Each structure stands twice: as C-alpha cells, then as structure tokens.
Amino acid sequence: MSDPKPDFSEFPRTIKASTERGGAQYRLVEGYFAVHGRPATPGAALDFSPEQIAVYPMDRFAQIGAPSSRLTPAYSLGKGGTLAVPTGKVFVRLSADQKFAERAKAFRDAGYEIDQTLSYASNAGWLRPTSSSIGASLAAVGDLAAIPGVENVEPQMLTKAARKS
C-alpha cells in the first residue's frame, strides 16, 4: 500500500508569475504540500506564521495533512528555485484610464471579488476568489487577463524572505 498523497489535480502545473512579462513561471513542486489555516508544527520546511501557512515535505503528509485543512501544492519559480505558496489572491493592474472599483462586475464574472483597493493607484488592487478554491483562482488567471483594460495579473505567492548582504 502506498503512502497517501493529496489530490492537486485542480491546480495548474505552471502559473505565469506575471501576464505582462511572459517569461517567468511558477512550476508545481511534487515533493511538498502547504497547509493553510493552522499554525506550523515541527518539521515544517517553511512557516508563514502571520498567514498561518506551513509547507512540509510530502513524506510528512500522513502525519500532518487532515481532511479539514485547506491544502495546496508548493511551487517554485524556475527549476530548483525557492519554494512559493499560492494564497488565491491576485494583483490586477488596469490601464491608467480605468478605475479598479468600477470593474467589480467583470471581476465577479471571472470568479473574483475585490479584496483591497489602493489609494495611491486607482487602477490597481487585490482580488480574492469568490469560491474558497485556491486552485480555481489560479486556473482563472487567464480569464482575468482577458478582461478588456486589464494590463497585468500576478498571483500572490508567498516565499521566504531573502536577505541581502
């Protein structure tokens, strides 16, 4: 009998880091999973305490994963890059002549709702999925990018902070 593994079939294998700059892509990493909504336990590979998200090696799934937890895969930017965890939120920038708040219906039609507007940029802001599905949110990034007037869409991916010396 094989070890249980989470089903991440609803998650895209690759996600553009930015729809405006087409080169960089996040790639799903098979050896890790993230648990959302509860504090990290010992053995976490990454701990995002304020967000209550922890990343674990897949061999810990039987001990850590629980049906009541929200689970996502981990991604990396490029091969062997730093681990990144999707939150389901996306940052959207419209053309300069458009107002973010006035596009709420188009965002809802694409499966998102406004989470945060920016006082310093009326044409940009954060969206969250109308469903609780992070996988569906990631899969629908292309739908957002296709809305007339949308110039850029970037999924929010949490990564470990890098220190520069």
Foldseek 3Di string as FASTA:
>chain_A
DDDDFDDAVLADQWFAQKPQDRDKIWGFDPFKKKWFDAFDDPQFPDGPPVRRMTMHTRVCCVVPPDPVTDMHTWIATPPPHFTWAFPQKKKWFFPQVDFPVVCQVLQVVLFWGFDDADPVRRRIGMIHGPDNDSSSSRVSQVVVCPPPRINMMGTDIDGDDDDDD
